[in-house]
All heavy atoms as atom14 arrays in JSON, in Angstrom:
{
  "sequence": "NVTDAELASASNVAGKVSAFNSSGFSLETGSLSILSVNGSSNSYVG",
  "atom14_mask": [
    [1, 1, 1, 1, 1, 1, 1, 1, 0, 0, 0, 0, 0, 0],
    [1, 1, 1, 1, 1, 1, 1, 0, 0, 0, 0, 0, 0, 0],
    [1, 1, 1, 1, 1, 1, 1, 0, 0, 0, 0, 0, 0, 0],
    [1, 1, 1, 1, 1, 1, 1, 1, 0, 0, 0, 0, 0, 0],
    [1, 1, 1, 1, 1, 0, 0, 0, 0, 0, 0, 0, 0, 0],
    [1, 1, 1, 1, 1, 1, 1, 1, 1, 0, 0, 0, 0, 0],
    [1, 1, 1, 1, 1, 1, 1, 1, 0, 0, 0, 0, 0, 0],
    [1, 1, 1, 1, 1, 0, 0, 0, 0, 0, 0, 0, 0, 0],
    [1, 1, 1, 1, 1, 1, 0, 0, 0, 0, 0, 0, 0, 0],
    [1, 1, 1, 1, 1, 0, 0, 0, 0, 0, 0, 0, 0, 0],
    [1, 1, 1, 1, 1, 1, 0, 0, 0, 0, 0, 0, 0, 0],
    [1, 1, 1, 1, 1, 1, 1, 1, 0, 0, 0, 0, 0, 0],
    [1, 1, 1, 1, 1, 1, 1, 0, 0, 0, 0, 0, 0, 0],
    [1, 1, 1, 1, 1, 0, 0, 0, 0, 0, 0, 0, 0, 0],
    [1, 1, 1, 1, 0, 0, 0, 0, 0, 0, 0, 0, 0, 0],
    [1, 1, 1, 1, 1, 1, 1, 1, 1, 0, 0, 0, 0, 0],
    [1, 1, 1, 1, 1, 1, 1, 0, 0, 0, 0, 0, 0, 0],
    [1, 1, 1, 1, 1, 1, 0, 0, 0, 0, 0, 0, 0, 0],
    [1, 1, 1, 1, 1, 0, 0, 0, 0, 0, 0, 0, 0, 0],
    [1, 1, 1, 1, 1, 1, 1, 1, 1, 1, 1, 0, 0, 0],
    [1, 1, 1, 1, 1, 1, 1, 1, 0, 0, 0, 0, 0, 0],
    [1, 1, 1, 1, 1, 1, 0, 0, 0, 0, 0, 0, 0, 0],
    [1, 1, 1, 1, 1, 1, 0, 0, 0, 0, 0, 0, 0, 0],
    [1, 1, 1, 1, 0, 0, 0, 0, 0, 0, 0, 0, 0, 0],
    [1, 1, 1, 1, 1, 1, 1, 1, 1, 1, 1, 0, 0, 0],
    [1, 1, 1, 1, 1, 1, 0, 0, 0, 0, 0, 0, 0, 0],
    [1, 1, 1, 1, 1, 1, 1, 1, 0, 0, 0, 0, 0, 0],
    [1, 1, 1, 1, 1, 1, 1, 1, 1, 0, 0, 0, 0, 0],
    [1, 1, 1, 1, 1, 1, 1, 0, 0, 0, 0, 0, 0, 0],
    [1, 1, 1, 1, 0, 0, 0, 0, 0, 0, 0, 0, 0, 0],
    [1, 1, 1, 1, 1, 1, 0, 0, 0, 0, 0, 0, 0, 0],
    [1, 1, 1, 1, 1, 1, 1, 1, 0, 0, 0, 0, 0, 0],
    [1, 1, 1, 1, 1, 1, 0, 0, 0, 0, 0, 0, 0, 0],
    [1, 1, 1, 1, 1, 1, 1, 1, 0, 0, 0, 0, 0, 0],
    [1, 1, 1, 1, 1, 1, 1, 1, 0, 0, 0, 0, 0, 0],
    [1, 1, 1, 1, 1, 1, 0, 0, 0, 0, 0, 0, 0, 0],
    [1, 1, 1, 1, 1, 1, 1, 0, 0, 0, 0, 0, 0, 0],
    [1, 1, 1, 1, 1, 1, 1, 1, 0, 0, 0, 0, 0, 0],
    [1, 1, 1, 1, 0, 0, 0, 0, 0, 0, 0, 0, 0, 0],
    [1, 1, 1, 1, 1, 1, 0, 0, 0, 0, 0, 0, 0, 0],
    [1, 1, 1, 1, 1, 1, 0, 0, 0, 0, 0, 0, 0, 0],
    [1, 1, 1, 1, 1, 1, 1, 1, 0, 0, 0, 0, 0, 0],
    [1, 1, 1, 1, 1, 1, 0, 0, 0, 0, 0, 0, 0, 0],
    [1, 1, 1, 1, 1, 1, 1, 1, 1, 1, 1, 1, 0, 0],
    [1, 1, 1, 1, 1, 1, 1, 0, 0, 0, 0, 0, 0, 0],
    [1, 1, 1, 1, 0, 0, 0, 0, 0, 0, 0, 0, 0, 0]
  ],
  "atom14_positions": [
    [[19.8, 116.37, 38.56], [18.52, 115.92, 38.03], [17.42, 115.83, 39.08], [16.3, 115.41, 38.78], [18.68, 114.56, 37.34], [19.22, 113.48, 38.26], [20.3, 113.63, 38.81], [18.48, 112.39, 38.43], [0.0, 0.0, 0.0], [0.0, 0.0, 0.0], [0.0, 0.0, 0.0], [0.0, 0.0, 0.0], [0.0, 0.0, 0.0], [0.0, 0.0, 0.0]],
    [[17.71, 116.23, 40.32], [16.71, 116.27, 41.38], [16.87, 117.57, 42.17], [17.89, 118.25, 42.08], [16.84, 115.05, 42.34], [16.53, 113.76, 41.61], [18.23, 115.0, 42.97], [0.0, 0.0, 0.0], [0.0, 0.0, 0.0], [0.0, 0.0, 0.0], [0.0, 0.0, 0.0], [0.0, 0.0, 0.0], [0.0, 0.0, 0.0], [0.0, 0.0, 0.0]],
    [[15.86, 117.88, 42.98], [15.91, 119.1, 43.79], [16.48, 118.86, 45.18], [16.53, 119.79, 45.99], [14.5, 119.69, 43.93], [13.65, 118.75, 44.6], [13.91, 120.05, 42.57], [0.0, 0.0, 0.0], [0.0, 0.0, 0.0], [0.0, 0.0, 0.0], [0.0, 0.0, 0.0], [0.0, 0.0, 0.0], [0.0, 0.0, 0.0], [0.0, 0.0, 0.0]],
    [[16.93, 117.67, 45.48], [17.37, 117.3, 46.82], [18.4, 118.26, 47.39], [19.23, 118.83, 46.65], [17.99, 115.9, 46.82], [16.98, 114.82, 46.48], [15.81, 115.15, 46.21], [17.38, 113.64, 46.48], [0.0, 0.0, 0.0], [0.0, 0.0, 0.0], [0.0, 0.0, 0.0], [0.0, 0.0, 0.0], [0.0, 0.0, 0.0], [0.0, 0.0, 0.0]],
    [[18.36, 118.42, 48.71], [19.4, 119.17, 49.4], [20.72, 118.42, 49.32], [20.77, 117.25, 48.92], [19.0, 119.39, 50.85], [0.0, 0.0, 0.0], [0.0, 0.0, 0.0], [0.0, 0.0, 0.0], [0.0, 0.0, 0.0], [0.0, 0.0, 0.0], [0.0, 0.0, 0.0], [0.0, 0.0, 0.0], [0.0, 0.0, 0.0], [0.0, 0.0, 0.0]],
    [[21.78, 119.1, 49.69], [23.12, 118.51, 49.66], [23.22, 117.31, 50.59], [22.73, 117.33, 51.72], [24.12, 119.58, 50.08], [25.57, 119.16, 50.07], [26.47, 120.32, 50.45], [26.66, 120.54, 51.68], [26.96, 121.02, 49.55], [0.0, 0.0, 0.0], [0.0, 0.0, 0.0], [0.0, 0.0, 0.0], [0.0, 0.0, 0.0], [0.0, 0.0, 0.0]],
    [[23.86, 116.25, 50.09], [24.18, 115.09, 50.91], [25.59, 115.29, 51.44], [26.55, 115.3, 50.67], [24.09, 113.81, 50.09], [24.41, 112.51, 50.82], [23.41, 112.26, 51.95], [24.41, 111.33, 49.85], [0.0, 0.0, 0.0], [0.0, 0.0, 0.0], [0.0, 0.0, 0.0], [0.0, 0.0, 0.0], [0.0, 0.0, 0.0], [0.0, 0.0, 0.0]],
    [[25.7, 115.46, 52.75], [26.98, 115.82, 53.35], [27.95, 114.66, 53.36], [27.56, 113.49, 53.42], [26.76, 116.33, 54.77], [0.0, 0.0, 0.0], [0.0, 0.0, 0.0], [0.0, 0.0, 0.0], [0.0, 0.0, 0.0], [0.0, 0.0, 0.0], [0.0, 0.0, 0.0], [0.0, 0.0, 0.0], [0.0, 0.0, 0.0], [0.0, 0.0, 0.0]],
    [[29.22, 114.99, 53.32], [30.28, 114.0, 53.31], [30.19, 113.06, 54.5], [30.46, 111.88, 54.4], [31.64, 114.7, 53.31], [32.7, 113.78, 53.4], [0.0, 0.0, 0.0], [0.0, 0.0, 0.0], [0.0, 0.0, 0.0], [0.0, 0.0, 0.0], [0.0, 0.0, 0.0], [0.0, 0.0, 0.0], [0.0, 0.0, 0.0], [0.0, 0.0, 0.0]],
    [[29.77, 113.59, 55.65], [29.71, 112.78, 56.86], [28.74, 111.61, 56.73], [28.87, 110.6, 57.41], [29.31, 113.65, 58.05], [0.0, 0.0, 0.0], [0.0, 0.0, 0.0], [0.0, 0.0, 0.0], [0.0, 0.0, 0.0], [0.0, 0.0, 0.0], [0.0, 0.0, 0.0], [0.0, 0.0, 0.0], [0.0, 0.0, 0.0], [0.0, 0.0, 0.0]],
    [[27.74, 111.76, 55.82], [26.79, 110.68, 55.62], [27.48, 109.44, 55.08], [27.19, 108.32, 55.49], [25.69, 111.12, 54.64], [25.03, 112.27, 55.13], [0.0, 0.0, 0.0], [0.0, 0.0, 0.0], [0.0, 0.0, 0.0], [0.0, 0.0, 0.0], [0.0, 0.0, 0.0], [0.0, 0.0, 0.0], [0.0, 0.0, 0.0], [0.0, 0.0, 0.0]],
    [[28.38, 109.64, 54.14], [29.23, 108.57, 53.59], [28.44, 107.3, 53.27], [28.85, 106.2, 53.61], [30.38, 108.26, 54.54], [31.49, 107.46, 53.85], [31.63, 107.52, 52.63], [32.25, 106.71, 54.62], [0.0, 0.0, 0.0], [0.0, 0.0, 0.0], [0.0, 0.0, 0.0], [0.0, 0.0, 0.0], [0.0, 0.0, 0.0], [0.0, 0.0, 0.0]],
    [[27.29, 107.47, 52.64], [26.46, 106.31, 52.35], [26.28, 106.08, 50.86], [25.61, 105.15, 50.47], [25.06, 106.46, 52.99], [25.16, 106.45, 54.49], [24.35, 107.71, 52.48], [0.0, 0.0, 0.0], [0.0, 0.0, 0.0], [0.0, 0.0, 0.0], [0.0, 0.0, 0.0], [0.0, 0.0, 0.0], [0.0, 0.0, 0.0], [0.0, 0.0, 0.0]],
    [[26.87, 106.93, 50.03], [26.51, 106.86, 48.63], [27.68, 106.83, 47.66], [27.51, 106.91, 46.48], [25.62, 108.06, 48.29], [0.0, 0.0, 0.0], [0.0, 0.0, 0.0], [0.0, 0.0, 0.0], [0.0, 0.0, 0.0], [0.0, 0.0, 0.0], [0.0, 0.0, 0.0], [0.0, 0.0, 0.0], [0.0, 0.0, 0.0], [0.0, 0.0, 0.0]],
    [[28.89, 106.71, 48.17], [30.04, 106.86, 47.29], [30.27, 108.34, 47.03], [29.34, 109.13, 46.97], [0.0, 0.0, 0.0], [0.0, 0.0, 0.0], [0.0, 0.0, 0.0], [0.0, 0.0, 0.0], [0.0, 0.0, 0.0], [0.0, 0.0, 0.0], [0.0, 0.0, 0.0], [0.0, 0.0, 0.0], [0.0, 0.0, 0.0], [0.0, 0.0, 0.0]],
    [[31.52, 108.74, 46.88], [31.78, 110.17, 46.78], [33.15, 110.43, 46.19], [34.01, 109.55, 46.09], [31.7, 110.81, 48.16], [32.75, 110.27, 49.13], [32.61, 110.89, 50.51], [33.67, 110.37, 51.47], [33.53, 110.96, 52.82], [0.0, 0.0, 0.0], [0.0, 0.0, 0.0], [0.0, 0.0, 0.0], [0.0, 0.0, 0.0], [0.0, 0.0, 0.0]],
    [[33.35, 111.68, 45.79], [34.69, 112.2, 45.53], [35.26, 112.53, 46.9], [34.75, 113.4, 47.61], [34.65, 113.45, 44.64], [36.02, 114.11, 44.59], [34.2, 113.08, 43.22], [0.0, 0.0, 0.0], [0.0, 0.0, 0.0], [0.0, 0.0, 0.0], [0.0, 0.0, 0.0], [0.0, 0.0, 0.0], [0.0, 0.0, 0.0], [0.0, 0.0, 0.0]],
    [[36.29, 111.82, 47.3], [36.81, 111.95, 48.66], [37.91, 112.99, 48.79], [38.2, 113.46, 49.89], [37.32, 110.61, 49.17], [38.32, 110.1, 48.29], [0.0, 0.0, 0.0], [0.0, 0.0, 0.0], [0.0, 0.0, 0.0], [0.0, 0.0, 0.0], [0.0, 0.0, 0.0], [0.0, 0.0, 0.0], [0.0, 0.0, 0.0], [0.0, 0.0, 0.0]],
    [[38.55, 113.35, 47.66], [39.63, 114.34, 47.71], [39.88, 114.88, 46.31], [39.68, 114.18, 45.31], [40.9, 113.71, 48.26], [0.0, 0.0, 0.0], [0.0, 0.0, 0.0], [0.0, 0.0, 0.0], [0.0, 0.0, 0.0], [0.0, 0.0, 0.0], [0.0, 0.0, 0.0], [0.0, 0.0, 0.0], [0.0, 0.0, 0.0], [0.0, 0.0, 0.0]],
    [[40.31, 116.14, 46.27], [40.78, 116.75, 45.03], [42.29, 116.8, 45.08], [42.88, 117.3, 46.04], [40.2, 118.16, 44.88], [38.7, 118.18, 44.74], [37.9, 118.48, 45.83], [38.1, 117.88, 43.53], [36.52, 118.49, 45.72], [36.73, 117.89, 43.4], [35.94, 118.18, 44.5], [0.0, 0.0, 0.0], [0.0, 0.0, 0.0], [0.0, 0.0, 0.0]],
    [[42.93, 116.27, 44.02], [44.38, 116.15, 43.99], [44.97, 117.02, 42.89], [44.25, 117.56, 42.05], [44.76, 114.68, 43.74], [44.01, 113.73, 44.66], [43.93, 113.98, 45.86], [43.44, 112.67, 44.1], [0.0, 0.0, 0.0], [0.0, 0.0, 0.0], [0.0, 0.0, 0.0], [0.0, 0.0, 0.0], [0.0, 0.0, 0.0], [0.0, 0.0, 0.0]],
    [[46.29, 117.15, 42.86], [46.95, 117.99, 41.87], [46.74, 117.47, 40.45], [46.8, 118.23, 39.49], [48.45, 118.07, 42.17], [49.04, 116.78, 42.14], [0.0, 0.0, 0.0], [0.0, 0.0, 0.0], [0.0, 0.0, 0.0], [0.0, 0.0, 0.0], [0.0, 0.0, 0.0], [0.0, 0.0, 0.0], [0.0, 0.0, 0.0], [0.0, 0.0, 0.0]],
    [[46.45, 116.18, 40.32], [46.29, 115.6, 38.98], [44.9, 115.03, 38.74], [44.66, 114.38, 37.72], [47.32, 114.49, 38.77], [47.2, 113.48, 39.77], [0.0, 0.0, 0.0], [0.0, 0.0, 0.0], [0.0, 0.0, 0.0], [0.0, 0.0, 0.0], [0.0, 0.0, 0.0], [0.0, 0.0, 0.0], [0.0, 0.0, 0.0], [0.0, 0.0, 0.0]],
    [[43.95, 115.24, 39.67], [42.61, 114.71, 39.48], [41.84, 114.64, 40.78], [41.89, 115.56, 41.59], [0.0, 0.0, 0.0], [0.0, 0.0, 0.0], [0.0, 0.0, 0.0], [0.0, 0.0, 0.0], [0.0, 0.0, 0.0], [0.0, 0.0, 0.0], [0.0, 0.0, 0.0], [0.0, 0.0, 0.0], [0.0, 0.0, 0.0], [0.0, 0.0, 0.0]],
    [[41.14, 113.53, 41.0], [40.37, 113.37, 42.23], [40.33, 111.91, 42.63], [40.57, 111.01, 41.82], [38.94, 113.92, 42.07], [38.18, 113.35, 40.9], [37.46, 112.17, 41.01], [38.15, 114.02, 39.68], [36.74, 111.65, 39.94], [37.44, 113.52, 38.59], [36.73, 112.33, 38.73], [0.0, 0.0, 0.0], [0.0, 0.0, 0.0], [0.0, 0.0, 0.0]],
    [[40.04, 111.67, 43.92], [39.96, 110.32, 44.47], [38.51, 109.98, 44.78], [37.7, 110.86, 45.09], [40.79, 110.21, 45.75], [42.15, 110.49, 45.49], [0.0, 0.0, 0.0], [0.0, 0.0, 0.0], [0.0, 0.0, 0.0], [0.0, 0.0, 0.0], [0.0, 0.0, 0.0], [0.0, 0.0, 0.0], [0.0, 0.0, 0.0], [0.0, 0.0, 0.0]],
    [[38.18, 108.67, 44.72], [36.82, 108.21, 44.94], [36.75, 107.22, 46.09], [37.7, 106.49, 46.35], [36.28, 107.52, 43.68], [36.19, 108.36, 42.41], [35.83, 107.47, 41.23], [35.17, 109.47, 42.56], [0.0, 0.0, 0.0], [0.0, 0.0, 0.0], [0.0, 0.0, 0.0], [0.0, 0.0, 0.0], [0.0, 0.0, 0.0], [0.0, 0.0, 0.0]],
    [[35.59, 107.21, 46.75], [35.27, 106.19, 47.74], [33.95, 105.54, 47.35], [33.11, 106.16, 46.7], [35.13, 106.79, 49.14], [36.44, 107.2, 49.77], [36.25, 107.71, 51.19], [35.11, 107.61, 51.7], [37.22, 108.21, 51.77], [0.0, 0.0, 0.0], [0.0, 0.0, 0.0], [0.0, 0.0, 0.0], [0.0, 0.0, 0.0], [0.0, 0.0, 0.0]],
    [[33.77, 104.3, 47.74], [32.51, 103.61, 47.5], [31.56, 103.88, 48.66], [31.95, 104.4, 49.7], [32.71, 102.1, 47.36], [33.35, 101.62, 48.55], [33.57, 101.78, 46.16], [0.0, 0.0, 0.0], [0.0, 0.0, 0.0], [0.0, 0.0, 0.0], [0.0, 0.0, 0.0], [0.0, 0.0, 0.0], [0.0, 0.0, 0.0], [0.0, 0.0, 0.0]],
    [[30.31, 103.51, 48.45], [29.3, 103.65, 49.49], [28.22, 102.62, 49.3], [28.31, 101.75, 48.43], [0.0, 0.0, 0.0], [0.0, 0.0, 0.0], [0.0, 0.0, 0.0], [0.0, 0.0, 0.0], [0.0, 0.0, 0.0], [0.0, 0.0, 0.0], [0.0, 0.0, 0.0], [0.0, 0.0, 0.0], [0.0, 0.0, 0.0], [0.0, 0.0, 0.0]],
    [[27.15, 102.72, 50.07], [26.13, 101.69, 50.05], [24.85, 102.11, 49.34], [23.99, 101.27, 49.08], [25.78, 101.29, 51.49], [25.31, 102.41, 52.22], [0.0, 0.0, 0.0], [0.0, 0.0, 0.0], [0.0, 0.0, 0.0], [0.0, 0.0, 0.0], [0.0, 0.0, 0.0], [0.0, 0.0, 0.0], [0.0, 0.0, 0.0], [0.0, 0.0, 0.0]],
    [[24.68, 103.39, 49.03], [23.45, 103.86, 48.4], [23.67, 103.94, 46.9], [24.28, 104.87, 46.39], [23.06, 105.24, 48.97], [21.73, 105.83, 48.48], [20.57, 104.91, 48.82], [21.52, 107.19, 49.11], [0.0, 0.0, 0.0], [0.0, 0.0, 0.0], [0.0, 0.0, 0.0], [0.0, 0.0, 0.0], [0.0, 0.0, 0.0], [0.0, 0.0, 0.0]],
    [[23.15, 102.98, 46.16], [23.5, 102.82, 44.75], [23.03, 103.96, 43.87], [23.62, 104.25, 42.84], [22.94, 101.5, 44.21], [21.53, 101.48, 44.27], [0.0, 0.0, 0.0], [0.0, 0.0, 0.0], [0.0, 0.0, 0.0], [0.0, 0.0, 0.0], [0.0, 0.0, 0.0], [0.0, 0.0, 0.0], [0.0, 0.0, 0.0], [0.0, 0.0, 0.0]],
    [[21.94, 104.65, 44.25], [21.4, 105.69, 43.36], [22.33, 106.89, 43.25], [22.18, 107.71, 42.36], [20.01, 106.17, 43.8], [20.05, 106.8, 45.2], [18.99, 105.06, 43.72], [18.78, 107.52, 45.58], [0.0, 0.0, 0.0], [0.0, 0.0, 0.0], [0.0, 0.0, 0.0], [0.0, 0.0, 0.0], [0.0, 0.0, 0.0], [0.0, 0.0, 0.0]],
    [[23.28, 107.02, 44.14], [24.23, 108.13, 44.05], [25.67, 107.64, 43.88], [26.61, 108.4, 44.05], [24.15, 109.01, 45.31], [23.0, 110.01, 45.36], [23.02, 110.78, 46.67], [23.08, 110.99, 44.2], [0.0, 0.0, 0.0], [0.0, 0.0, 0.0], [0.0, 0.0, 0.0], [0.0, 0.0, 0.0], [0.0, 0.0, 0.0], [0.0, 0.0, 0.0]],
    [[25.84, 106.37, 43.53], [27.18, 105.82, 43.44], [28.01, 106.49, 42.36], [27.53, 106.76, 41.26], [27.11, 104.32, 43.16], [28.39, 103.79, 42.97], [0.0, 0.0, 0.0], [0.0, 0.0, 0.0], [0.0, 0.0, 0.0], [0.0, 0.0, 0.0], [0.0, 0.0, 0.0], [0.0, 0.0, 0.0], [0.0, 0.0, 0.0], [0.0, 0.0, 0.0]],
    [[29.27, 106.76, 42.68], [30.2, 107.27, 41.67], [31.32, 106.27, 41.43], [32.26, 106.55, 40.69], [30.82, 108.62, 42.1], [29.75, 109.67, 42.24], [31.62, 108.47, 43.39], [0.0, 0.0, 0.0], [0.0, 0.0, 0.0], [0.0, 0.0, 0.0], [0.0, 0.0, 0.0], [0.0, 0.0, 0.0], [0.0, 0.0, 0.0], [0.0, 0.0, 0.0]],
    [[31.21, 105.1, 42.05], [32.3, 104.14, 41.98], [31.79, 102.72, 42.09], [32.36, 101.88, 42.77], [33.32, 104.43, 43.1], [34.62, 103.69, 42.92], [34.96, 103.27, 41.83], [35.34, 103.52, 44.02], [0.0, 0.0, 0.0], [0.0, 0.0, 0.0], [0.0, 0.0, 0.0], [0.0, 0.0, 0.0], [0.0, 0.0, 0.0], [0.0, 0.0, 0.0]],
    [[30.66, 102.44, 41.41], [30.09, 101.1, 41.45], [30.9, 100.1, 40.65], [31.47, 100.44, 39.6], [0.0, 0.0, 0.0], [0.0, 0.0, 0.0], [0.0, 0.0, 0.0], [0.0, 0.0, 0.0], [0.0, 0.0, 0.0], [0.0, 0.0, 0.0], [0.0, 0.0, 0.0], [0.0, 0.0, 0.0], [0.0, 0.0, 0.0], [0.0, 0.0, 0.0]],
    [[30.95, 98.89, 41.1], [31.72, 97.86, 40.43], [31.23, 97.62, 39.01], [30.03, 97.43, 38.77], [31.61, 96.55, 41.22], [32.28, 95.5, 40.57], [0.0, 0.0, 0.0], [0.0, 0.0, 0.0], [0.0, 0.0, 0.0], [0.0, 0.0, 0.0], [0.0, 0.0, 0.0], [0.0, 0.0, 0.0], [0.0, 0.0, 0.0], [0.0, 0.0, 0.0]],
    [[32.15, 97.68, 38.05], [31.91, 97.39, 36.63], [31.07, 98.44, 35.92], [30.75, 98.26, 34.74], [31.26, 96.01, 36.46], [32.08, 95.0, 37.01], [0.0, 0.0, 0.0], [0.0, 0.0, 0.0], [0.0, 0.0, 0.0], [0.0, 0.0, 0.0], [0.0, 0.0, 0.0], [0.0, 0.0, 0.0], [0.0, 0.0, 0.0], [0.0, 0.0, 0.0]],
    [[30.66, 99.52, 36.59], [29.92, 100.58, 35.92], [30.87, 101.51, 35.17], [32.03, 101.69, 35.57], [29.11, 101.4, 36.92], [27.92, 100.65, 37.48], [27.47, 99.67, 36.89], [27.4, 101.09, 38.61], [0.0, 0.0, 0.0], [0.0, 0.0, 0.0], [0.0, 0.0, 0.0], [0.0, 0.0, 0.0], [0.0, 0.0, 0.0], [0.0, 0.0, 0.0]],
    [[30.38, 102.09, 34.09], [31.17, 103.07, 33.33], [30.74, 104.48, 33.72], [29.54, 104.75, 33.86], [30.97, 102.86, 31.83], [31.45, 101.6, 31.43], [0.0, 0.0, 0.0], [0.0, 0.0, 0.0], [0.0, 0.0, 0.0], [0.0, 0.0, 0.0], [0.0, 0.0, 0.0], [0.0, 0.0, 0.0], [0.0, 0.0, 0.0], [0.0, 0.0, 0.0]],
    [[31.7, 105.38, 33.86], [31.43, 106.75, 34.3], [32.16, 107.74, 33.4], [33.14, 107.4, 32.74], [31.9, 106.96, 35.74], [31.18, 106.11, 36.75], [31.63, 104.83, 37.05], [30.04, 106.58, 37.4], [30.97, 104.03, 37.96], [29.38, 105.79, 38.32], [29.83, 104.52, 38.6], [29.17, 103.73, 39.49], [0.0, 0.0, 0.0], [0.0, 0.0, 0.0]],
    [[31.67, 108.96, 33.4], [32.38, 110.06, 32.77], [32.45, 111.21, 33.77], [31.52, 111.41, 34.56], [31.69, 110.52, 31.45], [30.29, 111.04, 31.72], [32.52, 111.59, 30.74], [0.0, 0.0, 0.0], [0.0, 0.0, 0.0], [0.0, 0.0, 0.0], [0.0, 0.0, 0.0], [0.0, 0.0, 0.0], [0.0, 0.0, 0.0], [0.0, 0.0, 0.0]],
    [[33.54, 111.94, 33.77], [33.69, 113.09, 34.66], [34.1, 114.32, 33.88], [34.95, 114.24, 32.98], [0.0, 0.0, 0.0], [0.0, 0.0, 0.0], [0.0, 0.0, 0.0], [0.0, 0.0, 0.0], [0.0, 0.0, 0.0], [0.0, 0.0, 0.0], [0.0, 0.0, 0.0], [0.0, 0.0, 0.0], [0.0, 0.0, 0.0], [0.0, 0.0, 0.0]]
  ]
}
């Protein structure tokens, strides 16, 4: 929904998909809420 360049994994400030697994994917939290994929009590779809 924005034109922004890629936010690299090394930034680790926004929450991310940290790994792709045989049965799905793993998530990490971060501090930048506008890009969070793992915020507390939020509902998500993938």
